[in-house]
Amino acid sequence: MKKHATTSPNDEAKLIGDEPEQFSLFNDDEIARIEKEASPVSAGRFSDFIVYVDESGDHGMQTIDQNYPVFVLAFCVFYKSHYAGKVMSTLGRFKFNHFGHDHVVLHEHEIRKETGSFKFINRQSKIEFIGQLTSIIEASNFILISSVIDKLRLRGKDELASNPYHLALGFCLETLYEFLQEKNQDGKMTHVVVECRGPKEDKDLDLEFRRVCDGANRLGRSLPFEIVFADKKTNSPGLQLADLVARPIGLNVLRPSQANRAFEVLTKKFFCSGGRENVGEGFESWGLKIYPSLESERPR
């Protein structure tokens, strides 16, 4: 049953949920062919991986939102062949099904608030839309590395001068390097794609990124990473997926007993201590770093 509202015929056509799907999201035969025909990507000076980064929450320390007093940084690490062969095409089919074109940029905040392009016919349409997105995340093969900064506890440790974004960035870059060591890719250049936030913020981030990569890290060594700044309007599947995963991580840290289907899916994506045999376990203080850590947590 359609939502009753005073909309013009053109507005009504923009509502999500009133069109049959044109494409199957997961065309496994086509994906298998693309991946089989893809050229190896490990032959050159670049690694087999590409990293997309997004955040959730405000990194400021002067005023803290008591309802969401955390800053979350999420690194989504993709095999380039899988990203090009499956992730890009699957997300494209999803957009064609719901919007008729693939130029809509998915933003978690807009979807949640039903603003911009994300106006739904009814609640069921929104549930189905989010359910399909969750299925895409579940089916996509990526490694998740994340850091959550508890700003209330950070302020309590007299670290007011600390920048939560920079703290989280250091933790994530160190863990990314350890992951690449496992994959024998630590000798090649890996690009880390972030969204532009503003001239001053981007300059500060670039300086901090280079400082960490030049050796100011827990490992005490240079890290072979290069930062790439992408415009906010860039229609990048990787950046959009990173945007979608960041907030569920923060919500789980704040309210671990609350039902969180999105985070349940993400537990199997985190970089963990036991490798593939231990997927979904052993990621705390490994692929997921919470700082300041709880007193009960043992340091890694």
Protein backbone atom coordinates (compact mmCIF):
# COMPACT_ATOMS: atom_id res chain seq x y z
CA MET A 1 0.00 0.00 0.00
CA LYS A 2 1.45 3.32 -1.04
CA LYS A 3 2.11 6.17 1.37
CA HIS A 4 -0.46 8.95 1.06
CA ALA A 5 1.18 12.31 0.52
CA THR A 6 0.68 15.49 -1.46
CA THR A 7 3.21 14.80 -4.20
CA SER A 8 3.24 15.49 -7.91
CA PRO A 9 3.48 12.61 -10.40
CA ASN A 10 7.18 13.39 -10.81
CA ASP A 11 7.77 13.32 -7.06
CA GLU A 12 5.89 10.03 -6.71
CA ALA A 13 8.18 8.45 -9.29
CA LYS A 14 11.15 9.23 -7.06
CA LEU A 15 9.84 7.20 -4.13
CA ILE A 16 11.73 3.99 -3.46
CA GLY A 17 9.80 0.74 -3.48
CA ASP A 18 7.31 0.97 -6.31
CA GLU A 19 9.36 -0.60 -9.13
CA PRO A 20 10.10 -4.28 -9.84
CA GLU A 21 13.77 -5.26 -9.90
CA GLN A 22 15.42 -5.21 -13.32
CA PHE A 23 18.58 -7.05 -12.32
CA SER A 24 19.57 -9.87 -10.00
CA LEU A 25 22.07 -8.44 -7.52
CA PHE A 26 24.30 -11.50 -7.43
CA ASN A 27 24.92 -12.86 -10.93
CA ASP A 28 27.46 -15.48 -9.88
CA ASP A 29 28.14 -16.85 -13.38
CA GLU A 30 28.97 -13.39 -14.71
CA ILE A 31 31.09 -12.57 -11.68
CA ALA A 32 33.03 -15.83 -12.00
CA ARG A 33 33.75 -15.09 -15.67
CA ILE A 34 34.94 -11.54 -14.95
CA GLU A 35 37.22 -12.66 -12.13
CA LYS A 36 38.63 -15.52 -14.22
CA GLU A 37 39.43 -13.20 -17.12
CA ALA A 38 40.86 -10.44 -14.93
CA SER A 39 44.58 -9.90 -15.30
CA PRO A 40 46.72 -10.50 -12.21
CA VAL A 41 47.23 -7.26 -10.30
CA SER A 42 50.30 -8.26 -8.28
CA ALA A 43 52.92 -7.96 -11.00
CA GLY A 44 53.74 -4.26 -10.59
CA ARG A 45 54.76 -1.94 -7.80
CA PHE A 46 51.24 -1.63 -6.40
CA SER A 47 49.76 -4.11 -3.94
CA ASP A 48 46.76 -6.36 -4.58
CA PHE A 49 44.69 -4.24 -2.19
CA ILE A 50 42.83 -0.95 -2.21
CA VAL A 51 41.59 0.71 1.00
CA TYR A 52 38.52 2.94 1.39
CA VAL A 53 38.03 4.99 4.54
CA ASP A 54 35.12 6.75 6.19
CA GLU A 55 34.14 7.88 9.65
CA SER A 56 31.17 8.21 11.94
CA GLY A 57 30.79 10.87 14.58
CA ASP A 58 32.50 14.20 15.21
CA HIS A 59 36.22 14.24 15.97
CA GLY A 60 35.99 17.48 17.97
CA MET A 61 36.70 17.40 21.70
CA GLN A 62 35.32 20.74 22.90
CA THR A 63 31.65 19.73 22.59
CA ILE A 64 30.71 16.06 22.87
CA ASP A 65 27.38 14.62 21.78
CA GLN A 66 26.18 12.65 24.81
CA ASN A 67 24.03 10.44 22.57
CA TYR A 68 26.97 9.47 20.38
CA PRO A 69 30.19 10.34 22.24
CA VAL A 70 32.47 8.29 20.00
CA PHE A 71 34.48 8.77 16.84
CA VAL A 72 34.72 5.79 14.49
CA LEU A 73 37.20 5.34 11.66
CA ALA A 74 36.63 2.39 9.32
CA PHE A 75 39.09 0.95 6.77
CA CYS A 76 37.51 -1.34 4.17
CA VAL A 77 40.31 -3.33 2.52
CA PHE A 78 39.44 -4.93 -0.82
CA TYR A 79 41.27 -7.26 -3.15
CA LYS A 80 41.35 -5.15 -6.32
CA SER A 81 40.27 -8.05 -8.55
CA HIS A 82 37.24 -8.79 -6.36
CA TYR A 83 36.37 -5.11 -6.05
CA ALA A 84 36.48 -4.55 -9.83
CA GLY A 85 34.84 -7.86 -10.72
CA LYS A 86 32.05 -8.08 -8.15
CA VAL A 87 31.60 -5.15 -5.79
CA MET A 88 31.31 -2.41 -8.41
CA SER A 89 28.89 -4.38 -10.59
CA THR A 90 26.71 -5.57 -7.71
CA LEU A 91 26.28 -2.09 -6.26
CA GLY A 92 25.56 -0.79 -9.75
CA ARG A 93 22.77 -3.33 -10.25
CA PHE A 94 21.35 -2.39 -6.87
CA LYS A 95 21.16 1.28 -7.91
CA PHE A 96 19.64 0.48 -11.31
CA ASN A 97 16.93 -1.53 -9.54
CA HIS A 98 16.00 1.22 -7.10
CA PHE A 99 16.75 4.46 -8.94
CA GLY A 100 16.92 3.57 -12.64
CA HIS A 101 20.49 4.92 -12.85
CA ASP A 102 23.74 4.51 -10.95
CA HIS A 103 24.60 8.14 -10.12
CA VAL A 104 23.04 8.16 -6.65
CA VAL A 105 25.68 8.28 -3.91
CA LEU A 106 24.71 6.16 -0.90
CA HIS A 107 25.00 7.98 2.43
CA GLU A 108 24.08 6.22 5.68
CA HIS A 109 22.81 9.44 7.28
CA GLU A 110 20.52 10.30 4.35
CA ILE A 111 19.15 6.77 4.18
CA ARG A 112 18.47 6.73 7.92
CA LYS A 113 16.83 10.17 7.87
CA GLU A 114 15.07 9.57 4.51
CA THR A 115 16.41 12.73 2.91
CA GLY A 116 17.77 13.52 -0.55
CA SER A 117 17.23 10.62 -2.94
CA PHE A 118 16.12 8.29 -0.16
CA LYS A 119 12.38 8.80 0.19
CA PHE A 120 10.52 5.53 0.70
CA ILE A 121 6.91 4.62 -0.07
CA ASN A 122 6.49 2.98 3.32
CA ARG A 123 8.45 1.43 6.17
CA GLN A 124 8.52 -1.99 4.53
CA SER A 125 10.20 -0.54 1.43
CA LYS A 126 12.90 1.01 3.63
CA ILE A 127 13.43 -2.29 5.48
CA GLU A 128 13.81 -4.15 2.18
CA PHE A 129 16.18 -1.50 0.81
CA ILE A 130 18.42 -1.67 3.88
CA GLY A 131 18.15 -5.48 3.89
CA GLN A 132 19.48 -5.65 0.34
CA LEU A 133 22.34 -3.29 1.20
CA THR A 134 23.20 -5.49 4.17
CA SER A 135 23.21 -8.53 1.88
CA ILE A 136 25.61 -6.76 -0.48
CA ILE A 137 27.95 -5.99 2.42
CA GLU A 138 27.70 -9.59 3.61
CA ALA A 139 28.48 -10.98 0.14
CA SER A 140 31.35 -8.57 -0.52
CA ASN A 141 34.78 -9.90 0.33
CA PHE A 142 36.63 -7.22 2.26
CA ILE A 143 38.67 -6.98 5.43
CA LEU A 144 37.52 -4.49 8.02
CA ILE A 145 39.91 -2.56 10.25
CA SER A 146 38.38 -0.01 12.59
CA SER A 147 39.17 2.18 15.55
CA VAL A 148 36.64 3.64 17.95
CA ILE A 149 37.68 6.58 20.12
CA ASP A 150 35.59 7.03 23.27
CA LYS A 151 35.79 10.80 23.62
CA LEU A 152 34.38 10.90 27.16
CA ARG A 153 37.05 8.53 28.46
CA LEU A 154 39.69 10.26 26.36
CA ARG A 155 38.82 13.58 27.98
CA GLY A 156 38.96 11.92 31.37
CA LYS A 157 42.56 10.91 30.65
CA ASP A 158 43.57 14.58 30.26
CA GLU A 159 44.17 14.10 26.55
CA LEU A 160 42.08 17.08 25.46
CA ALA A 161 44.75 18.10 22.98
CA SER A 162 44.54 14.73 21.23
CA ASN A 163 42.77 14.58 17.89
CA PRO A 164 40.48 11.52 17.81
CA TYR A 165 40.80 11.29 14.01
CA HIS A 166 44.60 11.23 14.21
CA LEU A 167 44.59 8.68 17.03
CA ALA A 168 42.25 6.39 15.10
CA LEU A 169 44.25 6.87 11.90
CA GLY A 170 47.45 5.73 13.58
CA PHE A 171 45.83 2.59 15.00
CA CYS A 172 44.27 1.68 11.65
CA LEU A 173 47.43 2.27 9.58
CA GLU A 174 49.49 0.13 11.95
CA THR A 175 46.97 -2.71 11.73
CA LEU A 176 46.71 -2.35 7.96
CA TYR A 177 50.46 -2.84 7.68
CA GLU A 178 50.29 -5.98 9.83
CA PHE A 179 47.54 -7.36 7.61
CA LEU A 180 49.61 -6.68 4.48
CA GLN A 181 52.56 -8.42 6.11
CA GLU A 182 50.40 -11.54 6.45
CA LYS A 183 49.60 -11.34 2.73
CA ASN A 184 53.23 -10.68 1.71
CA GLN A 185 52.16 -7.33 0.27
CA ASP A 186 54.03 -5.06 2.69
CA GLY A 187 56.74 -4.31 0.14
CA LYS A 188 54.38 -2.70 -2.35
CA MET A 189 52.50 0.58 -2.42
CA THR A 190 48.91 0.50 -1.16
CA HIS A 191 46.59 3.44 -1.76
CA VAL A 192 44.27 4.62 1.01
CA VAL A 193 41.27 6.57 -0.29
CA VAL A 194 39.59 9.12 1.98
CA GLU A 195 36.81 11.62 1.41
CA CYS A 196 37.66 15.32 1.28
CA ARG A 197 36.38 17.25 4.31
CA GLY A 198 37.70 20.76 3.72
CA PRO A 199 41.01 22.50 2.84
CA LYS A 200 42.27 22.83 6.43
CA GLU A 201 41.09 19.38 7.52
CA ASP A 202 42.56 17.75 4.43
CA LYS A 203 45.91 19.47 4.94
CA ASP A 204 46.03 18.40 8.60
CA LEU A 205 45.10 14.83 7.67
CA ASP A 206 47.71 14.69 4.92
CA LEU A 207 50.41 15.86 7.33
CA GLU A 208 49.38 13.33 10.00
CA PHE A 209 49.15 10.51 7.45
CA ARG A 210 52.67 11.25 6.23
CA ARG A 211 53.99 11.58 9.79
CA VAL A 212 52.66 8.13 10.72
CA CYS A 213 53.92 6.57 7.48
CA ASP A 214 57.34 8.15 7.95
CA GLY A 215 57.86 6.16 11.16
CA ALA A 216 55.85 7.83 13.96
CA ASN A 217 53.98 4.61 14.73
CA ARG A 218 53.96 1.70 17.17
CA LEU A 219 55.99 -0.40 14.73
CA GLY A 220 58.73 2.21 14.42
CA ARG A 221 59.05 1.80 10.66
CA SER A 222 58.07 3.40 7.38
CA LEU A 223 54.71 2.31 6.01
CA PRO A 224 54.23 1.94 2.21
CA PHE A 225 50.93 3.82 1.97
CA GLU A 226 49.80 6.73 -0.14
CA ILE A 227 46.73 8.81 0.67
CA VAL A 228 44.21 9.69 -2.06
CA PHE A 229 41.65 12.45 -1.46
CA ALA A 230 38.30 11.94 -3.21
CA ASP A 231 35.68 14.64 -3.69
CA LYS A 232 32.56 14.20 -1.55
CA LYS A 233 30.48 13.84 -4.73
CA THR A 234 32.66 11.01 -6.04
CA ASN A 235 30.51 7.98 -6.84
CA SER A 236 32.92 5.44 -5.36
CA PRO A 237 31.42 2.07 -4.30
CA GLY A 238 34.27 1.55 -1.84
CA LEU A 239 33.75 4.88 -0.08
CA GLN A 240 29.99 4.29 0.06
CA LEU A 241 30.42 0.87 1.68
CA ALA A 242 32.88 2.37 4.19
CA ASP A 243 30.27 5.03 5.00
CA LEU A 244 27.64 2.33 5.59
CA VAL A 245 29.73 0.25 8.02
CA ALA A 246 31.12 2.96 10.30
CA ARG A 247 28.02 3.85 12.34
CA PRO A 248 26.97 0.25 13.20
CA ILE A 249 30.42 -0.21 14.74
CA GLY A 250 29.97 2.86 16.94
CA LEU A 251 26.47 1.81 17.99
CA ASN A 252 27.71 -1.62 19.03
CA VAL A 253 30.41 -0.09 21.21
CA LEU A 254 27.90 2.25 22.86
CA ARG A 255 25.06 -0.26 23.19
CA PRO A 256 26.48 -3.79 22.87
CA SER A 257 23.31 -5.49 24.13
CA GLN A 258 21.09 -3.80 21.53
CA ALA A 259 20.13 -5.76 18.42
CA ASN A 260 22.41 -4.71 15.56
CA ARG A 261 22.05 -6.85 12.43
CA ALA A 262 24.55 -4.75 10.50
CA PHE A 263 27.25 -5.29 13.12
CA GLU A 264 26.52 -9.03 13.22
CA VAL A 265 27.42 -9.13 9.53
CA LEU A 266 30.55 -7.05 10.11
CA THR A 267 31.95 -9.36 12.79
CA LYS A 268 32.94 -11.77 10.00
CA LYS A 269 34.78 -9.00 8.14
CA PHE A 270 37.13 -7.83 10.89
CA PHE A 271 40.82 -8.63 10.67
CA CYS A 272 41.25 -11.19 13.46
CA SER A 273 44.01 -12.99 15.29
CA GLY A 274 43.20 -16.50 14.04
CA GLY A 275 42.99 -15.89 10.29
CA ARG A 276 40.26 -17.43 8.14
CA GLU A 277 39.77 -20.32 10.55
CA ASN A 278 38.74 -17.87 13.27
CA VAL A 279 36.47 -15.52 11.31
CA GLY A 280 34.05 -13.67 13.60
CA GLU A 281 36.20 -14.17 16.69
CA GLY A 282 39.40 -12.69 18.05
CA PHE A 283 38.94 -9.30 16.41
CA GLU A 284 38.66 -7.21 19.58
CA SER A 285 41.88 -5.20 20.09
CA TRP A 286 42.99 -6.62 16.74
CA GLY A 287 40.88 -5.56 13.77
CA LEU A 288 38.71 -3.47 16.10
CA LYS A 289 40.60 -1.16 18.42
CA ILE A 290 38.72 0.77 21.12
CA TYR A 291 40.59 3.60 22.79
CA PRO A 292 40.97 4.30 25.64
CA SER A 293 40.63 0.57 26.25
CA LEU A 294 38.50 -0.79 29.06
CA GLU A 295 40.41 -1.69 32.18
CA SER A 296 39.35 -5.33 31.75
CA GLU A 297 40.93 -5.55 28.28
CA ARG A 298 44.43 -6.85 27.97
CA PRO A 299 46.68 -4.88 25.65
CA ARG A 300 47.62 -6.49 22.37
